[in-house]
Amino acid sequence: MSRPEPRWVIENWRRSPLPLREKLALVFRNNLIKAKRRSSCCGHPGEPGC
């Protein structure tokens, strides 16, 4: 299981037009999906937390 590069994580965070509260919700949700699937991707590339 490979981890995403830090620059991708930062770019996903910066490019998202969502308000901070929604970004944090997506990070939480996407990380739960990744943990549940034991994967490095949640299936929503380009979203914060994926």
Protein backbone atom coordinates (compact mmCIF):
# COMPACT_ATOMS: atom_id res chain seq x y z
CA MET A 1 0.00 0.00 0.00
CA SER A 2 1.69 3.18 -1.14
CA ARG A 3 1.11 6.60 0.38
CA PRO A 4 0.30 9.67 -1.69
CA GLU A 5 3.03 12.24 -2.16
CA PRO A 6 2.76 15.25 0.14
CA ARG A 7 2.63 17.68 -2.78
CA TRP A 8 -0.51 15.94 -4.11
CA VAL A 9 -2.18 16.24 -0.73
CA ILE A 10 -1.36 19.95 -0.57
CA GLU A 11 -2.55 20.56 -4.14
CA ASN A 12 -5.87 18.78 -3.51
CA TRP A 13 -6.38 20.91 -0.42
CA ARG A 14 -5.49 24.21 -2.11
CA ARG A 15 -7.44 23.67 -5.34
CA SER A 16 -10.70 22.73 -3.69
CA PRO A 17 -13.18 25.65 -3.81
CA LEU A 18 -15.09 24.34 -0.79
CA PRO A 19 -15.29 26.17 2.55
CA LEU A 20 -12.97 24.97 5.31
CA ARG A 21 -15.71 23.10 7.17
CA GLU A 22 -16.61 21.05 4.09
CA LYS A 23 -12.95 20.35 3.30
CA LEU A 24 -12.43 18.99 6.80
CA ALA A 25 -15.55 16.82 6.46
CA LEU A 26 -14.24 15.40 3.18
CA VAL A 27 -10.83 14.69 4.70
CA PHE A 28 -12.49 12.82 7.56
CA ARG A 29 -14.87 10.89 5.27
CA ASN A 30 -12.23 10.00 2.69
CA ASN A 31 -9.78 8.82 5.33
CA LEU A 32 -12.47 6.61 6.88
CA ILE A 33 -13.09 5.08 3.45
CA LYS A 34 -9.35 4.48 2.98
CA ALA A 35 -9.05 2.87 6.42
CA LYS A 36 -12.11 0.69 5.86
CA ARG A 37 -10.83 -0.54 2.49
CA ARG A 38 -7.21 -0.70 3.67
CA SER A 39 -6.25 1.29 0.60
CA SER A 40 -4.21 4.39 -0.19
CA CYS A 41 -7.07 5.87 -2.24
CA CYS A 42 -10.69 6.44 -1.32
CA GLY A 43 -11.92 6.43 -4.91
CA HIS A 44 -12.48 10.18 -5.12
CA PRO A 45 -9.24 11.49 -6.66
CA GLY A 46 -8.84 15.23 -6.46
CA GLU A 47 -10.87 15.62 -3.28
CA PRO A 48 -9.23 16.70 -0.02
CA GLY A 49 -8.13 13.66 1.93
CA CYS A 50 -7.73 11.43 -1.08
